[in-house]
Amino acid sequence: FTSIQQRIREYQQTKTSAKQPPPHKAQ
């Protein structure tokens, strides 16, 4: 019900991977 879930996922993603999503994939 809040944006914390997405912020946690994005934080974990930046810690574990420096890969960027493909440019055609909208996020």
mmCIF file of all heavy atoms, coordinates in Angstrom:
data_MODEL
# 
_entry.id   MODEL 
# 
loop_
_atom_site.group_PDB 
_atom_site.id 
_atom_site.type_symbol 
_atom_site.label_atom_id 
_atom_site.label_alt_id 
_atom_site.label_comp_id 
_atom_site.label_asym_id 
_atom_site.label_entity_id 
_atom_site.label_seq_id 
_atom_site.pdbx_PDB_ins_code 
_atom_site.Cartn_x 
_atom_site.Cartn_y 
_atom_site.Cartn_z 
_atom_site.occupancy 
_atom_site.B_iso_or_equiv 
_atom_site.pdbx_formal_charge 
_atom_site.auth_seq_id 
_atom_site.auth_comp_id 
_atom_site.auth_asym_id 
_atom_site.auth_atom_id 
_atom_site.pdbx_PDB_model_num 
ATOM 1   N N   . PHE A 1 1  ? 0.785  -1.226 0.000   1.00 0.00 ? 1  PHE A N   1 
ATOM 2   C CA  . PHE A 1 1  ? 0.000  0.000  0.000   1.00 0.00 ? 1  PHE A CA  1 
ATOM 3   C C   . PHE A 1 1  ? 0.825  1.288  0.000   1.00 0.00 ? 1  PHE A C   1 
ATOM 4   O O   . PHE A 1 1  ? 0.267  2.369  0.030   1.00 0.00 ? 1  PHE A O   1 
ATOM 5   C CB  . PHE A 1 1  ? -0.947 -0.012 1.215   1.00 0.00 ? 1  PHE A CB  1 
ATOM 6   C CG  . PHE A 1 1  ? -1.823 -1.220 1.228   1.00 0.00 ? 1  PHE A CG  1 
ATOM 7   C CD1 . PHE A 1 1  ? -1.566 -2.276 2.079   1.00 0.00 ? 1  PHE A CD1 1 
ATOM 8   C CD2 . PHE A 1 1  ? -2.887 -1.325 0.348   1.00 0.00 ? 1  PHE A CD2 1 
ATOM 9   C CE1 . PHE A 1 1  ? -2.365 -3.404 2.081   1.00 0.00 ? 1  PHE A CE1 1 
ATOM 10  C CE2 . PHE A 1 1  ? -3.698 -2.449 0.331   1.00 0.00 ? 1  PHE A CE2 1 
ATOM 11  C CZ  . PHE A 1 1  ? -3.431 -3.488 1.203   1.00 0.00 ? 1  PHE A CZ  1 
ATOM 12  N N   . THR A 1 2  ? 2.139  1.187  -0.002  1.00 0.00 ? 2  THR A N   1 
ATOM 13  C CA  . THR A 1 2  ? 3.003  2.365  -0.048  1.00 0.00 ? 2  THR A CA  1 
ATOM 14  C C   . THR A 1 2  ? 4.111  2.126  -1.059  1.00 0.00 ? 2  THR A C   1 
ATOM 15  O O   . THR A 1 2  ? 4.248  1.025  -1.589  1.00 0.00 ? 2  THR A O   1 
ATOM 16  C CB  . THR A 1 2  ? 3.631  2.658  1.332   1.00 0.00 ? 2  THR A CB  1 
ATOM 17  O OG1 . THR A 1 2  ? 4.522  1.596  1.664   1.00 0.00 ? 2  THR A OG1 1 
ATOM 18  C CG2 . THR A 1 2  ? 2.570  2.814  2.418   1.00 0.00 ? 2  THR A CG2 1 
ATOM 19  N N   . SER A 1 3  ? 4.915  3.127  -1.311  1.00 0.00 ? 3  SER A N   1 
ATOM 20  C CA  . SER A 1 3  ? 5.998  3.005  -2.293  1.00 0.00 ? 3  SER A CA  1 
ATOM 21  C C   . SER A 1 3  ? 7.258  2.379  -1.703  1.00 0.00 ? 3  SER A C   1 
ATOM 22  O O   . SER A 1 3  ? 8.218  2.170  -2.419  1.00 0.00 ? 3  SER A O   1 
ATOM 23  C CB  . SER A 1 3  ? 6.329  4.383  -2.862  1.00 0.00 ? 3  SER A CB  1 
ATOM 24  O OG  . SER A 1 3  ? 6.772  5.240  -1.822  1.00 0.00 ? 3  SER A OG  1 
ATOM 25  N N   . ILE A 1 4  ? 7.262  2.036  -0.425  1.00 0.00 ? 4  ILE A N   1 
ATOM 26  C CA  . ILE A 1 4  ? 8.466  1.502  0.205   1.00 0.00 ? 4  ILE A CA  1 
ATOM 27  C C   . ILE A 1 4  ? 8.916  0.199  -0.449  1.00 0.00 ? 4  ILE A C   1 
ATOM 28  O O   . ILE A 1 4  ? 10.109 -0.053 -0.588  1.00 0.00 ? 4  ILE A O   1 
ATOM 29  C CB  . ILE A 1 4  ? 8.289  1.328  1.738   1.00 0.00 ? 4  ILE A CB  1 
ATOM 30  C CG1 . ILE A 1 4  ? 9.623  1.003  2.411   1.00 0.00 ? 4  ILE A CG1 1 
ATOM 31  C CG2 . ILE A 1 4  ? 7.263  0.267  2.059   1.00 0.00 ? 4  ILE A CG2 1 
ATOM 32  C CD1 . ILE A 1 4  ? 10.616 2.110  2.375   1.00 0.00 ? 4  ILE A CD1 1 
ATOM 33  N N   . GLN A 1 5  ? 7.980  -0.619 -0.868  1.00 0.00 ? 5  GLN A N   1 
ATOM 34  C CA  . GLN A 1 5  ? 8.311  -1.888 -1.506  1.00 0.00 ? 5  GLN A CA  1 
ATOM 35  C C   . GLN A 1 5  ? 9.186  -1.648 -2.745  1.00 0.00 ? 5  GLN A C   1 
ATOM 36  O O   . GLN A 1 5  ? 10.221 -2.285 -2.918  1.00 0.00 ? 5  GLN A O   1 
ATOM 37  C CB  . GLN A 1 5  ? 7.015  -2.582 -1.914  1.00 0.00 ? 5  GLN A CB  1 
ATOM 38  C CG  . GLN A 1 5  ? 7.049  -4.070 -1.879  1.00 0.00 ? 5  GLN A CG  1 
ATOM 39  C CD  . GLN A 1 5  ? 5.685  -4.641 -2.239  1.00 0.00 ? 5  GLN A CD  1 
ATOM 40  O OE1 . GLN A 1 5  ? 4.984  -4.115 -3.111  1.00 0.00 ? 5  GLN A OE1 1 
ATOM 41  N NE2 . GLN A 1 5  ? 5.303  -5.701 -1.567  1.00 0.00 ? 5  GLN A NE2 1 
ATOM 42  N N   . GLN A 1 6  ? 8.795  -0.723 -3.580  1.00 0.00 ? 6  GLN A N   1 
ATOM 43  C CA  . GLN A 1 6  ? 9.547  -0.423 -4.793  1.00 0.00 ? 6  GLN A CA  1 
ATOM 44  C C   . GLN A 1 6  ? 10.891 0.210  -4.456  1.00 0.00 ? 6  GLN A C   1 
ATOM 45  O O   . GLN A 1 6  ? 11.904 -0.109 -5.065  1.00 0.00 ? 6  GLN A O   1 
ATOM 46  C CB  . GLN A 1 6  ? 8.751  0.506  -5.707  1.00 0.00 ? 6  GLN A CB  1 
ATOM 47  C CG  . GLN A 1 6  ? 9.512  0.813  -6.992  1.00 0.00 ? 6  GLN A CG  1 
ATOM 48  C CD  . GLN A 1 6  ? 8.707  1.658  -7.942  1.00 0.00 ? 6  GLN A CD  1 
ATOM 49  O OE1 . GLN A 1 6  ? 7.517  1.885  -7.741  1.00 0.00 ? 6  GLN A OE1 1 
ATOM 50  N NE2 . GLN A 1 6  ? 9.343  2.120  -8.980  1.00 0.00 ? 6  GLN A NE2 1 
ATOM 51  N N   . ARG A 1 7  ? 10.917 1.094  -3.470  1.00 0.00 ? 7  ARG A N   1 
ATOM 52  C CA  . ARG A 1 7  ? 12.185 1.724  -3.098  1.00 0.00 ? 7  ARG A CA  1 
ATOM 53  C C   . ARG A 1 7  ? 13.186 0.714  -2.553  1.00 0.00 ? 7  ARG A C   1 
ATOM 54  O O   . ARG A 1 7  ? 14.373 0.797  -2.830  1.00 0.00 ? 7  ARG A O   1 
ATOM 55  C CB  . ARG A 1 7  ? 11.947 2.859  -2.106  1.00 0.00 ? 7  ARG A CB  1 
ATOM 56  C CG  . ARG A 1 7  ? 11.320 4.071  -2.801  1.00 0.00 ? 7  ARG A CG  1 
ATOM 57  C CD  . ARG A 1 7  ? 11.188 5.258  -1.891  1.00 0.00 ? 7  ARG A CD  1 
ATOM 58  N NE  . ARG A 1 7  ? 9.970  5.075  -1.111  1.00 0.00 ? 7  ARG A NE  1 
ATOM 59  C CZ  . ARG A 1 7  ? 9.882  5.281  0.191   1.00 0.00 ? 7  ARG A CZ  1 
ATOM 60  N NH1 . ARG A 1 7  ? 10.910 5.687  0.871   1.00 0.00 ? 7  ARG A NH1 1 
ATOM 61  N NH2 . ARG A 1 7  ? 8.739  5.105  0.827   1.00 0.00 ? 7  ARG A NH2 1 
ATOM 62  N N   . ILE A 1 8  ? 12.703 -0.261 -1.789  1.00 0.00 ? 8  ILE A N   1 
ATOM 63  C CA  . ILE A 1 8  ? 13.585 -1.312 -1.276  1.00 0.00 ? 8  ILE A CA  1 
ATOM 64  C C   . ILE A 1 8  ? 14.136 -2.139 -2.435  1.00 0.00 ? 8  ILE A C   1 
ATOM 65  O O   . ILE A 1 8  ? 15.330 -2.419 -2.498  1.00 0.00 ? 8  ILE A O   1 
ATOM 66  C CB  . ILE A 1 8  ? 12.843 -2.213 -0.257  1.00 0.00 ? 8  ILE A CB  1 
ATOM 67  C CG1 . ILE A 1 8  ? 12.583 -1.430 1.027   1.00 0.00 ? 8  ILE A CG1 1 
ATOM 68  C CG2 . ILE A 1 8  ? 13.644 -3.479 0.028   1.00 0.00 ? 8  ILE A CG2 1 
ATOM 69  C CD1 . ILE A 1 8  ? 11.673 -2.141 2.009   1.00 0.00 ? 8  ILE A CD1 1 
ATOM 70  N N   . ARG A 1 9  ? 13.266 -2.523 -3.376  1.00 0.00 ? 9  ARG A N   1 
ATOM 71  C CA  . ARG A 1 9  ? 13.712 -3.305 -4.537  1.00 0.00 ? 9  ARG A CA  1 
ATOM 72  C C   . ARG A 1 9  ? 14.751 -2.550 -5.351  1.00 0.00 ? 9  ARG A C   1 
ATOM 73  O O   . ARG A 1 9  ? 15.770 -3.120 -5.755  1.00 0.00 ? 9  ARG A O   1 
ATOM 74  C CB  . ARG A 1 9  ? 12.525 -3.669 -5.423  1.00 0.00 ? 9  ARG A CB  1 
ATOM 75  C CG  . ARG A 1 9  ? 11.849 -4.939 -5.002  1.00 0.00 ? 9  ARG A CG  1 
ATOM 76  C CD  . ARG A 1 9  ? 10.845 -5.395 -6.046  1.00 0.00 ? 9  ARG A CD  1 
ATOM 77  N NE  . ARG A 1 9  ? 9.544  -5.376 -5.375  1.00 0.00 ? 9  ARG A NE  1 
ATOM 78  C CZ  . ARG A 1 9  ? 8.482  -4.722 -5.779  1.00 0.00 ? 9  ARG A CZ  1 
ATOM 79  N NH1 . ARG A 1 9  ? 8.484  -4.026 -6.867  1.00 0.00 ? 9  ARG A NH1 1 
ATOM 80  N NH2 . ARG A 1 9  ? 7.375  -4.749 -5.082  1.00 0.00 ? 9  ARG A NH2 1 
ATOM 81  N N   . GLU A 1 10 ? 14.499 -1.267 -5.607  1.00 0.00 ? 10 GLU A N   1 
ATOM 82  C CA  . GLU A 1 10 ? 15.451 -0.473 -6.393  1.00 0.00 ? 10 GLU A CA  1 
ATOM 83  C C   . GLU A 1 10 ? 16.777 -0.325 -5.658  1.00 0.00 ? 10 GLU A C   1 
ATOM 84  O O   . GLU A 1 10 ? 17.838 -0.389 -6.266  1.00 0.00 ? 10 GLU A O   1 
ATOM 85  C CB  . GLU A 1 10 ? 14.855 0.890  -6.716  1.00 0.00 ? 10 GLU A CB  1 
ATOM 86  C CG  . GLU A 1 10 ? 13.764 0.808  -7.764  1.00 0.00 ? 10 GLU A CG  1 
ATOM 87  C CD  . GLU A 1 10 ? 13.155 2.165  -8.074  1.00 0.00 ? 10 GLU A CD  1 
ATOM 88  O OE1 . GLU A 1 10 ? 13.699 3.202  -7.622  1.00 0.00 ? 10 GLU A OE1 1 
ATOM 89  O OE2 . GLU A 1 10 ? 12.133 2.185  -8.762  1.00 0.00 ? 10 GLU A OE2 1 
ATOM 90  N N   . TYR A 1 11 ? 16.736 -0.157 -4.359  1.00 0.00 ? 11 TYR A N   1 
ATOM 91  C CA  . TYR A 1 11 ? 17.956 -0.049 -3.563  1.00 0.00 ? 11 TYR A CA  1 
ATOM 92  C C   . TYR A 1 11 ? 18.751 -1.352 -3.633  1.00 0.00 ? 11 TYR A C   1 
ATOM 93  O O   . TYR A 1 11 ? 19.958 -1.348 -3.847  1.00 0.00 ? 11 TYR A O   1 
ATOM 94  C CB  . TYR A 1 11 ? 17.611 0.287  -2.115  1.00 0.00 ? 11 TYR A CB  1 
ATOM 95  C CG  . TYR A 1 11 ? 18.810 0.287  -1.200  1.00 0.00 ? 11 TYR A CG  1 
ATOM 96  C CD1 . TYR A 1 11 ? 19.724 1.330  -1.238  1.00 0.00 ? 11 TYR A CD1 1 
ATOM 97  C CD2 . TYR A 1 11 ? 19.025 -0.761 -0.318  1.00 0.00 ? 11 TYR A CD2 1 
ATOM 98  C CE1 . TYR A 1 11 ? 20.834 1.331  -0.406  1.00 0.00 ? 11 TYR A CE1 1 
ATOM 99  C CE2 . TYR A 1 11 ? 20.124 -0.772 0.515   1.00 0.00 ? 11 TYR A CE2 1 
ATOM 100 C CZ  . TYR A 1 11 ? 21.036 0.278  0.467   1.00 0.00 ? 11 TYR A CZ  1 
ATOM 101 O OH  . TYR A 1 11 ? 22.128 0.256  1.288   1.00 0.00 ? 11 TYR A OH  1 
ATOM 102 N N   . GLN A 1 12 ? 18.071 -2.483 -3.475  1.00 0.00 ? 12 GLN A N   1 
ATOM 103 C CA  . GLN A 1 12 ? 18.753 -3.774 -3.542  1.00 0.00 ? 12 GLN A CA  1 
ATOM 104 C C   . GLN A 1 12 ? 19.311 -4.034 -4.930  1.00 0.00 ? 12 GLN A C   1 
ATOM 105 O O   . GLN A 1 12 ? 20.393 -4.595 -5.069  1.00 0.00 ? 12 GLN A O   1 
ATOM 106 C CB  . GLN A 1 12 ? 17.795 -4.896 -3.129  1.00 0.00 ? 12 GLN A CB  1 
ATOM 107 C CG  . GLN A 1 12 ? 17.478 -4.879 -1.659  1.00 0.00 ? 12 GLN A CG  1 
ATOM 108 C CD  . GLN A 1 12 ? 16.377 -5.836 -1.267  1.00 0.00 ? 12 GLN A CD  1 
ATOM 109 O OE1 . GLN A 1 12 ? 15.577 -6.268 -2.092  1.00 0.00 ? 12 GLN A OE1 1 
ATOM 110 N NE2 . GLN A 1 12 ? 16.322 -6.160 0.023   1.00 0.00 ? 12 GLN A NE2 1 
ATOM 111 N N   . GLN A 1 13 ? 18.593 -3.609 -5.955  1.00 0.00 ? 13 GLN A N   1 
ATOM 112 C CA  . GLN A 1 13 ? 19.053 -3.779 -7.329  1.00 0.00 ? 13 GLN A CA  1 
ATOM 113 C C   . GLN A 1 13 ? 20.336 -3.000 -7.582  1.00 0.00 ? 13 GLN A C   1 
ATOM 114 O O   . GLN A 1 13 ? 21.262 -3.510 -8.195  1.00 0.00 ? 13 GLN A O   1 
ATOM 115 C CB  . GLN A 1 13 ? 17.979 -3.297 -8.297  1.00 0.00 ? 13 GLN A CB  1 
ATOM 116 C CG  . GLN A 1 13 ? 17.577 -4.309 -9.302  1.00 0.00 ? 13 GLN A CG  1 
ATOM 117 C CD  . GLN A 1 13 ? 16.443 -3.782 -10.172 1.00 0.00 ? 13 GLN A CD  1 
ATOM 118 O OE1 . GLN A 1 13 ? 16.047 -2.619 -10.087 1.00 0.00 ? 13 GLN A OE1 1 
ATOM 119 N NE2 . GLN A 1 13 ? 15.910 -4.639 -10.992 1.00 0.00 ? 13 GLN A NE2 1 
ATOM 120 N N   . THR A 1 14 ? 20.398 -1.765 -7.114  1.00 0.00 ? 14 THR A N   1 
ATOM 121 C CA  . THR A 1 14 ? 21.589 -0.952 -7.347  1.00 0.00 ? 14 THR A CA  1 
ATOM 122 C C   . THR A 1 14 ? 22.784 -1.492 -6.567  1.00 0.00 ? 14 THR A C   1 
ATOM 123 O O   . THR A 1 14 ? 23.919 -1.342 -7.000  1.00 0.00 ? 14 THR A O   1 
ATOM 124 C CB  . THR A 1 14 ? 21.360 0.526  -6.974  1.00 0.00 ? 14 THR A CB  1 
ATOM 125 O OG1 . THR A 1 14 ? 20.956 0.613  -5.617  1.00 0.00 ? 14 THR A OG1 1 
ATOM 126 C CG2 . THR A 1 14 ? 20.333 1.163  -7.872  1.00 0.00 ? 14 THR A CG2 1 
ATOM 127 N N   . LYS A 1 15 ? 22.531 -2.135 -5.428  1.00 0.00 ? 15 LYS A N   1 
ATOM 128 C CA  . LYS A 1 15 ? 23.619 -2.728 -4.651  1.00 0.00 ? 15 LYS A CA  1 
ATOM 129 C C   . LYS A 1 15 ? 24.171 -3.987 -5.308  1.00 0.00 ? 15 LYS A C   1 
ATOM 130 O O   . LYS A 1 15 ? 25.353 -4.243 -5.257  1.00 0.00 ? 15 LYS A O   1 
ATOM 131 C CB  . LYS A 1 15 ? 23.145 -3.063 -3.231  1.00 0.00 ? 15 LYS A CB  1 
ATOM 132 C CG  . LYS A 1 15 ? 23.092 -1.859 -2.316  1.00 0.00 ? 15 LYS A CG  1 
ATOM 133 C CD  . LYS A 1 15 ? 22.668 -2.246 -0.935  1.00 0.00 ? 15 LYS A CD  1 
ATOM 134 C CE  . LYS A 1 15 ? 23.704 -3.173 -0.313  1.00 0.00 ? 15 LYS A CE  1 
ATOM 135 N NZ  . LYS A 1 15 ? 23.394 -3.548 1.070   1.00 0.00 ? 15 LYS A NZ  1 
ATOM 136 N N   . THR A 1 16 ? 23.303 -4.796 -5.904  1.00 0.00 ? 16 THR A N   1 
ATOM 137 C CA  . THR A 1 16 ? 23.725 -6.084 -6.433  1.00 0.00 ? 16 THR A CA  1 
ATOM 138 C C   . THR A 1 16 ? 24.094 -6.058 -7.905  1.00 0.00 ? 16 THR A C   1 
ATOM 139 O O   . THR A 1 16 ? 24.807 -6.932 -8.373  1.00 0.00 ? 16 THR A O   1 
ATOM 140 C CB  . THR A 1 16 ? 22.630 -7.148 -6.231  1.00 0.00 ? 16 THR A CB  1 
ATOM 141 O OG1 . THR A 1 16 ? 21.449 -6.723 -6.895  1.00 0.00 ? 16 THR A OG1 1 
ATOM 142 C CG2 . THR A 1 16 ? 22.350 -7.365 -4.754  1.00 0.00 ? 16 THR A CG2 1 
ATOM 143 N N   . SER A 1 17 ? 23.642 -5.063 -8.626  1.00 0.00 ? 17 SER A N   1 
ATOM 144 C CA  . SER A 1 17 ? 23.888 -5.058 -10.062 1.00 0.00 ? 17 SER A CA  1 
ATOM 145 C C   . SER A 1 17 ? 24.004 -3.641 -10.594 1.00 0.00 ? 17 SER A C   1 
ATOM 146 O O   . SER A 1 17 ? 23.240 -2.778 -10.234 1.00 0.00 ? 17 SER A O   1 
ATOM 147 C CB  . SER A 1 17 ? 22.743 -5.778 -10.777 1.00 0.00 ? 17 SER A CB  1 
ATOM 148 O OG  . SER A 1 17 ? 22.884 -5.672 -12.159 1.00 0.00 ? 17 SER A OG  1 
ATOM 149 N N   . ALA A 1 18 ? 24.960 -3.446 -11.466 1.00 0.00 ? 18 ALA A N   1 
ATOM 150 C CA  . ALA A 1 18 ? 25.119 -2.137 -12.099 1.00 0.00 ? 18 ALA A CA  1 
ATOM 151 C C   . ALA A 1 18 ? 24.460 -2.122 -13.468 1.00 0.00 ? 18 ALA A C   1 
ATOM 152 O O   . ALA A 1 18 ? 24.565 -1.156 -14.203 1.00 0.00 ? 18 ALA A O   1 
ATOM 153 C CB  . ALA A 1 18 ? 26.597 -1.798 -12.226 1.00 0.00 ? 18 ALA A CB  1 
ATOM 154 N N   . LYS A 1 19 ? 23.772 -3.204 -13.827 1.00 0.00 ? 19 LYS A N   1 
ATOM 155 C CA  . LYS A 1 19 ? 23.118 -3.291 -15.133 1.00 0.00 ? 19 LYS A CA  1 
ATOM 156 C C   . LYS A 1 19 ? 21.958 -2.316 -15.217 1.00 0.00 ? 19 LYS A C   1 
ATOM 157 O O   . LYS A 1 19 ? 21.217 -2.142 -14.273 1.00 0.00 ? 19 LYS A O   1 
ATOM 158 C CB  . LYS A 1 19 ? 22.583 -4.704 -15.368 1.00 0.00 ? 19 LYS A CB  1 
ATOM 159 C CG  . LYS A 1 19 ? 23.654 -5.750 -15.486 1.00 0.00 ? 19 LYS A CG  1 
ATOM 160 C CD  . LYS A 1 19 ? 23.008 -7.101 -15.701 1.00 0.00 ? 19 LYS A CD  1 
ATOM 161 C CE  . LYS A 1 19 ? 24.048 -8.189 -15.717 1.00 0.00 ? 19 LYS A CE  1 
ATOM 162 N NZ  . LYS A 1 19 ? 23.437 -9.510 -15.874 1.00 0.00 ? 19 LYS A NZ  1 
ATOM 163 N N   . GLN A 1 20 ? 21.794 -1.725 -16.370 1.00 0.00 ? 20 GLN A N   1 
ATOM 164 C CA  . GLN A 1 20 ? 20.668 -0.833 -16.635 1.00 0.00 ? 20 GLN A CA  1 
ATOM 165 C C   . GLN A 1 20 ? 19.611 -1.609 -17.404 1.00 0.00 ? 20 GLN A C   1 
ATOM 166 O O   . GLN A 1 20 ? 19.937 -2.465 -18.203 1.00 0.00 ? 20 GLN A O   1 
ATOM 167 C CB  . GLN A 1 20 ? 21.121 0.380  -17.460 1.00 0.00 ? 20 GLN A CB  1 
ATOM 168 C CG  . GLN A 1 20 ? 22.090 1.282  -16.741 1.00 0.00 ? 20 GLN A CG  1 
ATOM 169 C CD  . GLN A 1 20 ? 21.431 1.945  -15.531 1.00 0.00 ? 20 GLN A CD  1 
ATOM 170 O OE1 . GLN A 1 20 ? 20.267 2.265  -15.562 1.00 0.00 ? 20 GLN A OE1 1 
ATOM 171 N NE2 . GLN A 1 20 ? 22.193 2.130  -14.479 1.00 0.00 ? 20 GLN A NE2 1 
ATOM 172 N N   . PRO A 1 21 ? 18.324 -1.319 -17.186 1.00 0.00 ? 21 PRO A N   1 
ATOM 173 C CA  . PRO A 1 21 ? 17.278 -2.004 -17.945 1.00 0.00 ? 21 PRO A CA  1 
ATOM 174 C C   . PRO A 1 21 ? 17.360 -1.617 -19.418 1.00 0.00 ? 21 PRO A C   1 
ATOM 175 O O   . PRO A 1 21 ? 17.855 -0.534 -19.749 1.00 0.00 ? 21 PRO A O   1 
ATOM 176 C CB  . PRO A 1 21 ? 15.984 -1.492 -17.316 1.00 0.00 ? 21 PRO A CB  1 
ATOM 177 C CG  . PRO A 1 21 ? 16.347 -0.242 -16.614 1.00 0.00 ? 21 PRO A CG  1 
ATOM 178 C CD  . PRO A 1 21 ? 17.802 -0.343 -16.255 1.00 0.00 ? 21 PRO A CD  1 
ATOM 179 N N   . PRO A 1 22 ? 16.905 -2.493 -20.296 1.00 0.00 ? 22 PRO A N   1 
ATOM 180 C CA  . PRO A 1 22 ? 16.901 -2.156 -21.725 1.00 0.00 ? 22 PRO A CA  1 
ATOM 181 C C   . PRO A 1 22 ? 16.120 -0.871 -21.970 1.00 0.00 ? 22 PRO A C   1 
ATOM 182 O O   . PRO A 1 22 ? 15.124 -0.624 -21.297 1.00 0.00 ? 22 PRO A O   1 
ATOM 183 C CB  . PRO A 1 22 ? 16.200 -3.346 -22.383 1.00 0.00 ? 22 PRO A CB  1 
ATOM 184 C CG  . PRO A 1 22 ? 16.198 -4.430 -21.366 1.00 0.00 ? 22 PRO A CG  1 
ATOM 185 C CD  . PRO A 1 22 ? 16.341 -3.787 -20.020 1.00 0.00 ? 22 PRO A CD  1 
ATOM 186 N N   . PRO A 1 23 ? 16.566 -0.034 -22.925 1.00 0.00 ? 23 PRO A N   1 
ATOM 187 C CA  . PRO A 1 23 ? 15.903 1.252  -23.154 1.00 0.00 ? 23 PRO A CA  1 
ATOM 188 C C   . PRO A 1 23 ? 14.445 1.118  -23.579 1.00 0.00 ? 23 PRO A C   1 
ATOM 189 O O   . PRO A 1 23 ? 13.659 2.010  -23.364 1.00 0.00 ? 23 PRO A O   1 
ATOM 190 C CB  . PRO A 1 23 ? 16.721 1.917  -24.254 1.00 0.00 ? 23 PRO A CB  1 
ATOM 191 C CG  . PRO A 1 23 ? 17.668 0.901  -24.755 1.00 0.00 ? 23 PRO A CG  1 
ATOM 192 C CD  . PRO A 1 23 ? 17.702 -0.243 -23.789 1.00 0.00 ? 23 PRO A CD  1 
ATOM 193 N N   . HIS A 1 24 ? 14.048 0.000  -24.181 1.00 0.00 ? 24 HIS A N   1 
ATOM 194 C CA  . HIS A 1 24 ? 12.665 -0.164 -24.624 1.00 0.00 ? 24 HIS A CA  1 
ATOM 195 C C   . HIS A 1 24 ? 11.723 -0.523 -23.483 1.00 0.00 ? 24 HIS A C   1 
ATOM 196 O O   . HIS A 1 24 ? 10.520 -0.454 -23.628 1.00 0.00 ? 24 HIS A O   1 
ATOM 197 C CB  . HIS A 1 24 ? 12.573 -1.228 -25.722 1.00 0.00 ? 24 HIS A CB  1 
ATOM 198 C CG  . HIS A 1 24 ? 12.878 -2.606 -25.231 1.00 0.00 ? 24 HIS A CG  1 
ATOM 199 N ND1 . HIS A 1 24 ? 14.171 -3.072 -25.113 1.00 0.00 ? 24 HIS A ND1 1 
ATOM 200 C CD2 . HIS A 1 24 ? 12.073 -3.607 -24.796 1.00 0.00 ? 24 HIS A CD2 1 
ATOM 201 C CE1 . HIS A 1 24 ? 14.147 -4.309 -24.643 1.00 0.00 ? 24 HIS A CE1 1 
ATOM 202 N NE2 . HIS A 1 24 ? 12.891 -4.653 -24.439 1.00 0.00 ? 24 HIS A NE2 1 
ATOM 203 N N   . LYS A 1 25 ? 12.265 -0.901 -22.345 1.00 0.00 ? 25 LYS A N   1 
ATOM 204 C CA  . LYS A 1 25 ? 11.434 -1.296 -21.203 1.00 0.00 ? 25 LYS A CA  1 
ATOM 205 C C   . LYS A 1 25 ? 11.136 -0.068 -20.340 1.00 0.00 ? 25 LYS A C   1 
ATOM 206 O O   . LYS A 1 25 ? 12.013 0.496  -19.718 1.00 0.00 ? 25 LYS A O   1 
ATOM 207 C CB  . LYS A 1 25 ? 12.152 -2.358 -20.379 1.00 0.00 ? 25 LYS A CB  1 
ATOM 208 C CG  . LYS A 1 25 ? 11.293 -2.920 -19.272 1.00 0.00 ? 25 LYS A CG  1 
ATOM 209 C CD  . LYS A 1 25 ? 12.022 -4.030 -18.549 1.00 0.00 ? 25 LYS A CD  1 
ATOM 210 C CE  . LYS A 1 25 ? 11.143 -4.585 -17.456 1.00 0.00 ? 25 LYS A CE  1 
ATOM 211 N NZ  . LYS A 1 25 ? 11.802 -5.656 -16.728 1.00 0.00 ? 25 LYS A NZ  1 
ATOM 212 N N   . ALA A 1 26 ? 9.887  0.333  -20.310 1.00 0.00 ? 26 ALA A N   1 
ATOM 213 C CA  . ALA A 1 26 ? 9.492  1.500  -19.519 1.00 0.00 ? 26 ALA A CA  1 
ATOM 214 C C   . ALA A 1 26 ? 9.382  1.101  -18.050 1.00 0.00 ? 26 ALA A C   1 
ATOM 215 O O   . ALA A 1 26 ? 8.809  0.082  -17.724 1.00 0.00 ? 26 ALA A O   1 
ATOM 216 C CB  . ALA A 1 26 ? 8.167  2.055  -20.022 1.00 0.00 ? 26 ALA A CB  1 
ATOM 217 N N   . GLN A 1 27 ? 9.938  1.924  -17.182 1.00 0.00 ? 27 GLN A N   1 
ATOM 218 C CA  . GLN A 1 27 ? 9.856  1.678  -15.752 1.00 0.00 ? 27 GLN A CA  1 
ATOM 219 C C   . GLN A 1 27 ? 9.435  2.955  -15.052 1.00 0.00 ? 27 GLN A C   1 
ATOM 220 O O   . GLN A 1 27 ? 9.814  4.044  -15.441 1.00 0.00 ? 27 GLN A O   1 
ATOM 221 C CB  . GLN A 1 27 ? 11.213 1.265  -15.186 1.00 0.00 ? 27 GLN A CB  1 
ATOM 222 C CG  . GLN A 1 27 ? 11.516 -0.181 -15.343 1.00 0.00 ? 27 GLN A CG  1 
ATOM 223 C CD  . GLN A 1 27 ? 12.752 -0.546 -14.521 1.00 0.00 ? 27 GLN A CD  1 
ATOM 224 O OE1 . GLN A 1 27 ? 13.598 0.288  -14.262 1.00 0.00 ? 27 GLN A OE1 1 
ATOM 225 N NE2 . GLN A 1 27 ? 12.832 -1.783 -14.119 1.00 0.00 ? 27 GLN A NE2 1 
# 
